[in-house]
Amino acid sequence: MNLKKKSYHLFFFGFMLSFFLKCTSDPSALEYFRSERNGDFKARIVVDSTNIYRNNRNNGQLSVDIEYKAVLLDSDIDSIEWVFPDGNPENIKETLSTSVNYSNYGRFNSMLILTKVDTIYPNNIYSFKDTIEISRPVEISYKEANWSSFVTNDSDNWVVLPNNQNVIIRENKIFETDTPFEASASFKGFENKKLKFSIDYKLTYKNPLTNNITQNTKIEVLIDNLKAFGVSGVSNDKYFTQEFVIDNLSDFDFIIKKYPSISLSNWQLSLTASSTTLSDVDVKLYDLVNQDKIIGYINLDQASTSTETTSYEALLNTTINGTKYSFGSNNQNIILDGDPILINPGSNYKIIFNTEDSLPSSYEILNENFSSIPINIENNEYYLDATFKKLFISVE
């Protein structure tokens, strides 16, 4: 009963509507039934490049033009609309190819909205729409291309190779302090973004000893005052890639620090024979940075033995606030006012003092005739160069 009434009402409504559409003489009074449905069209987006690198350190001041092209694999497409989030323009219609400009680093998607219009019945219009997304977003990243522009505290040690893609921090002298070499570059305008860094580095040791590479901190990379990573002992002359991610960066400094391997020490080593100080024997001592060691090189190869001197007496000294302190031996240990260390003439030596709480605690003496350890500063195993290349920064 109810179904019959419902059918009757629908029939009556359709009849009256049809009658009204056919009988009216005013075209503006015509009404069309429109419907939008999902389509399934085949198309793809083609770009001239998906990975772009720039070396502008001020984000937001880029000007990167990307050429887009739509390849339609379905016929009878009636309308095309491009959508480019964060691009300029952000959208454009009715063209198969276009150029878009980007002013920032980042990943940029693009979409193609396709529309096909079909009129199946009089006054019934169906719009079929489908959205095609780019298979791989365009990515604009920073790539270091001008190491010469870094600000350094010692330009003589910052050597940029002719390709301007590699930089070497050289170590050709003993530093008088343990102040690290520093180089930095400033970046701006990243609007608290999450950034991913990648950099290649290697350490090249000069005359390294097998299995005797020191573990003191060699280089550090910092973002402002935040230590991103540090390097101590690594394989000699081999490149490594270091990646790290930091959130919420806007304006920041990218800083490279290289610590000196050794520096001139405030400690002295005095040699005496028959209570006479040997002024002609120069013994310099050096601190191993971050290693709790003091090293020195003793050349007694030319020391005369005609006075029947069978050994020299050595004491480790330092002077603080006008007071001189002397440390000597006690069964291979070093103590305040201990016995002198006895060293035989006629050879070259390397002496190593181990320290605890900045005070000497023990020592060892290495003879050139019984050790392969270098016994002069020019062949010191602690010297090294640091090389950097391939610095990339991308917005995550």
Protein backbone atom coordinates (compact mmCIF):
# COMPACT_ATOMS: atom_id res chain seq x y z
CA MET A 1 0.00 0.00 0.00
CA ASN A 2 2.66 2.49 1.00
CA LEU A 3 4.97 1.44 -1.86
CA LYS A 4 2.15 2.15 -4.34
CA LYS A 5 1.61 5.60 -2.87
CA LYS A 6 5.33 6.35 -2.99
CA SER A 7 5.60 5.23 -6.64
CA TYR A 8 2.60 7.34 -7.52
CA HIS A 9 4.07 10.43 -5.90
CA LEU A 10 7.41 9.98 -7.68
CA PHE A 11 5.66 9.52 -10.99
CA PHE A 12 3.52 12.60 -10.45
CA PHE A 13 6.59 14.69 -9.44
CA GLY A 14 8.54 13.56 -12.50
CA PHE A 15 5.63 14.20 -14.80
CA MET A 16 5.10 17.73 -13.49
CA LEU A 17 8.82 18.53 -13.67
CA SER A 18 9.04 17.28 -17.23
CA PHE A 19 5.95 19.23 -18.14
CA PHE A 20 7.38 22.39 -16.59
CA LEU A 21 10.73 22.06 -18.41
CA LYS A 22 9.07 21.44 -21.74
CA CYS A 23 6.43 24.13 -21.51
CA THR A 24 8.38 27.06 -20.16
CA SER A 25 9.47 29.57 -22.78
CA ASP A 26 12.10 31.30 -20.54
CA PRO A 27 15.57 29.69 -21.07
CA SER A 28 16.80 31.22 -17.82
CA ALA A 29 14.18 29.26 -15.97
CA LEU A 30 15.75 25.96 -17.02
CA GLU A 31 17.43 24.05 -14.20
CA TYR A 32 20.11 21.42 -14.66
CA PHE A 33 20.82 18.54 -12.34
CA ARG A 34 24.57 18.44 -11.74
CA SER A 35 26.47 15.62 -10.09
CA GLU A 36 30.19 15.23 -9.31
CA ARG A 37 31.66 11.76 -9.22
CA ASN A 38 35.10 10.22 -8.77
CA GLY A 39 36.88 9.41 -11.96
CA ASP A 40 39.72 7.02 -12.67
CA PHE A 41 41.96 8.67 -15.23
CA LYS A 42 45.45 7.75 -16.29
CA ALA A 43 48.03 10.53 -16.37
CA ARG A 44 51.44 11.40 -14.97
CA ILE A 45 53.40 14.48 -14.03
CA VAL A 46 56.84 15.00 -15.57
CA VAL A 47 59.39 17.50 -14.22
CA ASP A 48 62.75 18.57 -15.59
CA SER A 49 64.51 17.73 -12.29
CA THR A 50 63.53 16.30 -8.91
CA ASN A 51 66.79 16.96 -7.01
CA ILE A 52 68.02 20.54 -7.05
CA TYR A 53 70.95 21.96 -5.08
CA ARG A 54 71.65 25.57 -4.20
CA ASN A 55 74.30 27.19 -2.01
CA ASN A 56 72.34 30.20 -0.77
CA ARG A 57 72.60 30.19 3.06
CA ASN A 58 69.56 32.45 3.41
CA ASN A 59 66.44 30.32 3.09
CA GLY A 60 63.51 32.20 1.58
CA GLN A 61 65.69 34.06 -0.89
CA LEU A 62 66.00 31.33 -3.48
CA SER A 63 64.65 31.53 -7.00
CA VAL A 64 64.29 28.06 -8.46
CA ASP A 65 62.18 27.54 -11.60
CA ILE A 66 60.82 24.03 -12.22
CA GLU A 67 59.21 23.00 -15.49
CA TYR A 68 56.15 20.74 -15.12
CA LYS A 69 54.40 18.83 -17.89
CA ALA A 70 51.22 16.74 -17.81
CA VAL A 71 51.09 13.56 -19.85
CA LEU A 72 47.46 12.50 -20.34
CA LEU A 73 46.86 8.86 -21.12
CA ASP A 74 43.07 9.23 -21.20
CA SER A 75 41.25 11.00 -24.02
CA ASP A 76 38.37 13.45 -23.75
CA ILE A 77 39.67 15.28 -20.68
CA ASP A 78 37.71 18.53 -20.54
CA SER A 79 39.53 20.47 -17.81
CA ILE A 80 42.98 20.57 -16.22
CA GLU A 81 44.02 22.28 -12.99
CA TRP A 82 47.53 22.31 -11.49
CA VAL A 83 48.04 22.67 -7.73
CA PHE A 84 51.50 23.66 -6.41
CA PRO A 85 51.60 24.02 -2.59
CA ASP A 86 54.19 26.66 -1.57
CA GLY A 87 54.92 27.42 -5.22
CA ASN A 88 54.41 30.53 -7.29
CA PRO A 89 51.82 30.34 -8.72
CA GLU A 90 50.03 27.97 -6.34
CA ASN A 91 47.61 26.85 -9.07
CA ILE A 92 47.05 27.27 -12.74
CA LYS A 93 44.36 25.97 -15.11
CA GLU A 94 43.94 24.69 -18.64
CA THR A 95 47.55 24.11 -19.64
CA LEU A 96 49.54 20.95 -20.14
CA SER A 97 52.88 22.52 -19.22
CA THR A 98 53.88 25.31 -16.90
CA SER A 99 56.75 26.76 -14.89
CA VAL A 100 56.65 27.18 -11.10
CA ASN A 101 59.05 29.19 -8.93
CA TYR A 102 60.14 28.16 -5.42
CA SER A 103 61.88 30.46 -2.96
CA ASN A 104 62.62 27.98 -0.16
CA TYR A 105 64.48 24.78 0.55
CA GLY A 106 62.23 21.76 1.05
CA ARG A 107 60.18 19.00 -0.57
CA PHE A 108 57.40 20.18 -2.87
CA ASN A 109 54.45 18.10 -4.05
CA SER A 110 52.30 18.88 -7.04
CA MET A 111 48.85 17.67 -8.09
CA LEU A 112 46.95 17.54 -11.32
CA ILE A 113 43.14 17.69 -11.09
CA LEU A 114 41.50 16.23 -14.20
CA THR A 115 37.85 16.75 -15.03
CA LYS A 116 35.70 15.03 -17.61
CA VAL A 117 32.15 16.32 -18.19
CA ASP A 118 29.43 14.03 -19.50
CA THR A 119 25.73 14.74 -20.24
CA ILE A 120 23.97 11.40 -20.14
CA TYR A 121 20.38 12.66 -20.12
CA PRO A 122 18.93 16.06 -21.02
CA ASN A 123 19.54 18.48 -18.19
CA ASN A 124 21.62 15.88 -16.25
CA ILE A 125 25.36 16.81 -16.16
CA TYR A 126 27.96 14.54 -14.54
CA SER A 127 31.46 15.77 -13.69
CA PHE A 128 34.08 13.04 -13.23
CA LYS A 129 37.19 14.22 -11.34
CA ASP A 130 40.46 12.53 -10.51
CA THR A 131 43.57 13.84 -8.71
CA ILE A 132 46.99 12.74 -9.94
CA GLU A 133 49.93 13.34 -7.55
CA ILE A 134 53.56 13.54 -8.56
CA SER A 135 55.29 10.23 -7.91
CA ARG A 136 58.37 11.86 -6.39
CA PRO A 137 58.28 15.35 -4.86
CA VAL A 138 60.72 17.98 -6.05
CA GLU A 139 63.43 18.43 -3.40
CA ILE A 140 65.57 21.57 -3.13
CA SER A 141 68.55 21.13 -0.79
CA TYR A 142 71.61 23.09 0.29
CA LYS A 143 74.99 21.92 -0.99
CA GLU A 144 78.22 23.56 0.15
CA ALA A 145 80.03 24.98 -2.85
CA ASN A 146 82.14 27.73 -1.34
CA TRP A 147 84.29 26.57 1.57
CA SER A 148 86.38 29.71 1.05
CA SER A 149 83.54 31.79 2.52
CA PHE A 150 83.80 30.17 5.97
CA VAL A 151 85.08 32.49 8.68
CA THR A 152 88.14 31.01 10.43
CA ASN A 153 90.41 31.92 13.32
CA ASP A 154 93.49 30.87 11.30
CA SER A 155 93.15 31.10 7.55
CA ASP A 156 96.60 29.58 6.96
CA ASN A 157 95.37 26.22 8.21
CA TRP A 158 92.11 26.32 6.18
CA VAL A 159 93.14 25.09 2.74
CA VAL A 160 90.42 24.98 0.07
CA LEU A 161 91.26 22.80 -2.93
CA PRO A 162 90.90 24.22 -6.47
CA ASN A 163 87.54 22.51 -7.03
CA ASN A 164 86.20 24.45 -4.01
CA GLN A 165 84.43 21.24 -2.98
CA ASN A 166 87.03 19.97 -0.51
CA VAL A 167 88.68 21.72 2.40
CA ILE A 168 91.64 20.57 4.49
CA ILE A 169 92.37 21.73 8.02
CA ARG A 170 96.11 21.27 8.19
CA GLU A 171 98.30 20.72 11.21
CA ASN A 172 101.85 21.77 10.48
CA LYS A 173 102.97 23.18 13.79
CA ILE A 174 102.73 22.80 17.55
CA PHE A 175 100.07 25.03 19.01
CA GLU A 176 101.08 27.11 21.99
CA THR A 177 97.66 26.68 23.56
CA ASP A 178 94.96 24.04 23.37
CA THR A 179 92.52 26.47 21.70
CA PRO A 180 90.92 24.61 18.80
CA PHE A 181 90.94 25.77 15.21
CA GLU A 182 87.46 27.00 14.30
CA ALA A 183 85.61 27.68 11.06
CA SER A 184 81.97 28.72 10.76
CA ALA A 185 79.22 29.81 8.37
CA SER A 186 75.86 31.44 9.20
CA PHE A 187 72.48 30.21 7.92
CA LYS A 188 69.23 32.16 8.14
CA GLY A 189 65.49 31.96 7.56
CA PHE A 190 64.68 28.28 8.08
CA GLU A 191 61.58 29.13 10.15
CA ASN A 192 62.04 26.52 12.91
CA LYS A 193 62.23 23.66 10.45
CA LYS A 194 63.56 20.16 11.06
CA LEU A 195 66.83 19.88 9.13
CA LYS A 196 68.90 16.89 8.10
CA PHE A 197 72.67 17.37 7.75
CA SER A 198 75.14 15.15 5.93
CA ILE A 199 78.91 15.66 5.68
CA ASP A 200 81.90 13.55 4.61
CA TYR A 201 85.16 13.73 6.54
CA LYS A 202 88.45 11.94 6.97
CA LEU A 203 91.49 12.18 9.23
CA THR A 204 94.94 11.75 7.74
CA TYR A 205 97.63 10.89 10.26
CA LYS A 206 101.22 11.84 9.60
CA ASN A 207 103.50 8.87 10.29
CA PRO A 208 100.84 7.00 12.25
CA LEU A 209 101.74 4.01 14.38
CA THR A 210 99.91 0.75 13.77
CA ASN A 211 97.30 0.13 16.48
CA ASN A 212 98.48 3.19 18.36
CA ILE A 213 96.14 5.94 17.13
CA THR A 214 95.30 8.35 19.91
CA GLN A 215 91.72 8.58 21.10
CA ASN A 216 91.60 12.25 22.02
CA THR A 217 88.88 14.32 20.39
CA LYS A 218 90.09 15.43 16.98
CA ILE A 219 87.19 17.29 15.40
CA GLU A 220 83.70 18.41 16.35
CA VAL A 221 80.78 19.80 14.39
CA LEU A 222 78.40 22.09 16.25
CA ILE A 223 75.12 23.78 15.38
CA ASP A 224 75.40 26.98 17.39
CA ASN A 225 76.42 25.72 20.84
CA LEU A 226 74.94 22.26 20.34
CA LYS A 227 77.47 19.54 19.57
CA ALA A 228 76.15 17.58 16.61
CA PHE A 229 78.93 14.99 16.58
CA GLY A 230 82.57 14.49 17.51
CA VAL A 231 85.34 12.32 16.13
CA SER A 232 88.20 10.70 17.99
CA GLY A 233 90.05 7.67 16.63
CA VAL A 234 89.16 6.53 13.10
CA SER A 235 90.90 4.65 10.32
CA ASN A 236 93.65 6.62 8.65
CA ASP A 237 92.91 8.49 5.40
CA LYS A 238 89.44 6.99 4.89
CA TYR A 239 86.27 9.00 4.26
CA PHE A 240 83.27 8.59 6.54
CA THR A 241 79.78 10.03 6.16
CA GLN A 242 78.07 11.52 9.20
CA GLU A 243 74.34 12.31 9.18
CA PHE A 244 72.30 13.98 11.91
CA VAL A 245 68.89 15.64 12.28
CA ILE A 246 68.04 18.69 14.40
CA ASP A 247 64.55 20.09 15.05
CA ASN A 248 63.40 23.70 15.20
CA LEU A 249 66.19 25.51 13.43
CA SER A 250 65.79 29.00 12.06
CA ASP A 251 68.99 31.08 12.22
CA PHE A 252 72.09 29.12 13.17
CA ASP A 253 75.86 28.81 12.75
CA PHE A 254 77.46 25.69 11.31
CA ILE A 255 80.76 25.33 13.20
CA ILE A 256 83.74 23.01 12.65
CA LYS A 257 86.31 22.67 15.41
CA LYS A 258 89.64 20.88 15.12
CA TYR A 259 91.57 20.40 18.30
CA PRO A 260 95.35 20.48 18.21
CA SER A 261 96.86 17.07 18.80
CA ILE A 262 99.66 18.46 20.95
CA SER A 263 100.45 21.84 22.48
CA LEU A 264 103.44 23.31 24.25
CA SER A 265 103.38 22.40 27.93
CA ASN A 266 103.96 24.46 31.05
CA TRP A 267 105.98 21.55 32.37
CA GLN A 268 109.78 21.36 31.95
CA LEU A 269 112.28 18.52 32.12
CA SER A 270 115.67 19.38 33.65
CA LEU A 271 118.72 17.16 32.95
CA THR A 272 121.81 17.21 35.17
CA ALA A 273 125.12 15.33 35.23
CA SER A 274 127.40 15.46 38.28
CA SER A 275 125.11 18.15 39.69
CA THR A 276 125.61 20.32 36.58
CA THR A 277 122.57 21.32 34.56
CA LEU A 278 122.93 20.46 30.89
CA SER A 279 122.02 23.73 29.23
CA ASP A 280 122.94 22.46 25.78
CA VAL A 281 120.29 19.71 25.85
CA ASP A 282 116.92 21.19 24.88
CA VAL A 283 114.02 19.10 26.13
CA LYS A 284 110.61 20.48 25.18
CA LEU A 285 107.49 18.96 26.64
CA TYR A 286 104.07 18.85 25.01
CA ASP A 287 100.58 18.16 26.29
CA LEU A 288 98.48 15.63 24.42
CA VAL A 289 95.16 17.45 24.23
CA ASN A 290 92.42 15.56 26.12
CA GLN A 291 94.76 12.61 26.60
CA ASP A 292 96.17 13.14 30.11
CA LYS A 293 99.69 12.70 28.81
CA ILE A 294 102.83 14.81 28.61
CA ILE A 295 105.45 13.82 26.02
CA GLY A 296 109.01 14.91 25.38
CA TYR A 297 111.89 14.11 23.04
CA ILE A 298 115.43 13.79 24.42
CA ASN A 299 118.46 13.82 22.12
CA LEU A 300 121.44 12.39 23.98
CA ASP A 301 123.04 10.89 20.90
CA GLN A 302 125.81 13.51 20.87
CA ALA A 303 126.18 13.76 24.65
CA SER A 304 129.83 13.29 25.65
CA THR A 305 130.76 10.40 27.92
CA SER A 306 134.42 11.48 28.34
CA THR A 307 133.70 12.69 31.85
CA GLU A 308 132.73 9.13 32.73
CA THR A 309 129.08 10.16 33.05
CA THR A 310 127.13 6.94 32.98
CA SER A 311 123.67 8.48 33.31
CA TYR A 312 121.81 11.75 33.45
CA GLU A 313 119.32 12.73 36.12
CA ALA A 314 115.97 14.08 35.00
CA LEU A 315 113.27 15.82 37.02
CA LEU A 316 109.86 17.03 35.90
CA ASN A 317 109.32 20.62 36.98
CA THR A 318 106.65 23.29 36.86
CA THR A 319 106.38 26.77 38.34
CA ILE A 320 103.09 28.17 39.65
CA ASN A 321 102.76 31.58 41.29
CA GLY A 322 106.50 31.79 41.69
CA THR A 323 106.83 28.42 43.44
CA LYS A 324 108.77 25.65 41.68
CA TYR A 325 107.61 22.05 42.07
CA SER A 326 109.80 19.06 41.18
CA PHE A 327 108.51 15.56 40.56
CA GLY A 328 110.70 12.47 40.46
CA SER A 329 110.60 8.72 40.31
CA ASN A 330 109.45 6.15 42.83
CA ASN A 331 109.40 2.67 41.20
CA GLN A 332 108.08 3.96 37.85
CA ASN A 333 105.61 6.19 39.67
CA ILE A 334 106.00 9.95 39.75
CA ILE A 335 105.71 11.73 43.09
CA LEU A 336 106.49 15.18 44.42
CA ASP A 337 110.19 15.45 45.41
CA GLY A 338 110.88 11.91 44.19
CA ASP A 339 114.24 10.55 43.04
CA PRO A 340 115.61 11.73 39.67
CA ILE A 341 114.89 9.58 36.62
CA LEU A 342 118.13 8.08 35.28
CA ILE A 343 118.69 8.28 31.52
CA ASN A 344 121.76 6.85 29.74
CA PRO A 345 123.66 8.99 27.17
CA GLY A 346 124.29 7.99 23.57
CA SER A 347 120.70 7.56 22.31
CA ASN A 348 117.53 9.42 21.44
CA TYR A 349 114.53 8.94 23.68
CA LYS A 350 110.87 9.66 23.97
CA ILE A 351 109.52 10.08 27.49
CA ILE A 352 105.83 9.85 28.29
CA PHE A 353 104.32 11.07 31.55
CA ASN A 354 100.80 9.94 32.40
CA THR A 355 98.76 12.41 34.44
CA GLU A 356 95.81 12.24 36.80
CA ASP A 357 93.96 15.39 37.82
CA SER A 358 96.60 17.38 35.88
CA LEU A 359 99.42 15.94 38.02
CA PRO A 360 102.04 13.41 36.82
CA SER A 361 101.47 9.87 38.08
CA SER A 362 103.70 7.51 36.08
CA TYR A 363 106.16 7.50 33.19
CA GLU A 364 107.82 5.41 30.51
CA ILE A 365 110.99 5.99 28.49
CA LEU A 366 111.30 4.70 24.93
CA ASN A 367 114.73 4.18 23.35
CA GLU A 368 115.14 4.63 19.59
CA ASN A 369 117.13 1.37 19.48
CA PHE A 370 114.29 -0.67 20.94
CA SER A 371 111.15 1.03 19.68
CA SER A 372 109.61 2.15 16.41
CA ILE A 373 108.02 5.17 18.08
CA PRO A 374 109.27 8.45 16.55
CA ILE A 375 111.82 10.23 18.68
CA ASN A 376 111.62 13.75 17.23
CA ILE A 377 108.80 16.20 16.90
CA GLU A 378 108.94 16.42 13.09
CA ASN A 379 107.86 12.77 12.85
CA ASN A 380 105.37 12.94 15.69
CA GLU A 381 102.65 10.33 15.41
CA TYR A 382 100.02 12.75 16.79
CA TYR A 383 99.99 15.10 13.82
CA LEU A 384 96.97 14.89 11.51
CA ASP A 385 94.99 16.71 8.85
CA ALA A 386 91.19 16.79 8.68
CA THR A 387 89.39 16.93 5.32
CA PHE A 388 85.71 17.79 4.74
CA LYS A 389 83.51 17.58 1.65
CA LYS A 390 79.89 17.05 0.57
CA LEU A 391 78.03 19.14 3.11
CA PHE A 392 74.29 18.83 2.42
CA ILE A 393 71.35 20.32 4.35
CA SER A 394 67.77 19.31 3.56
CA VAL A 395 64.41 20.19 5.08
CA GLU A 396 62.66 17.14 6.51
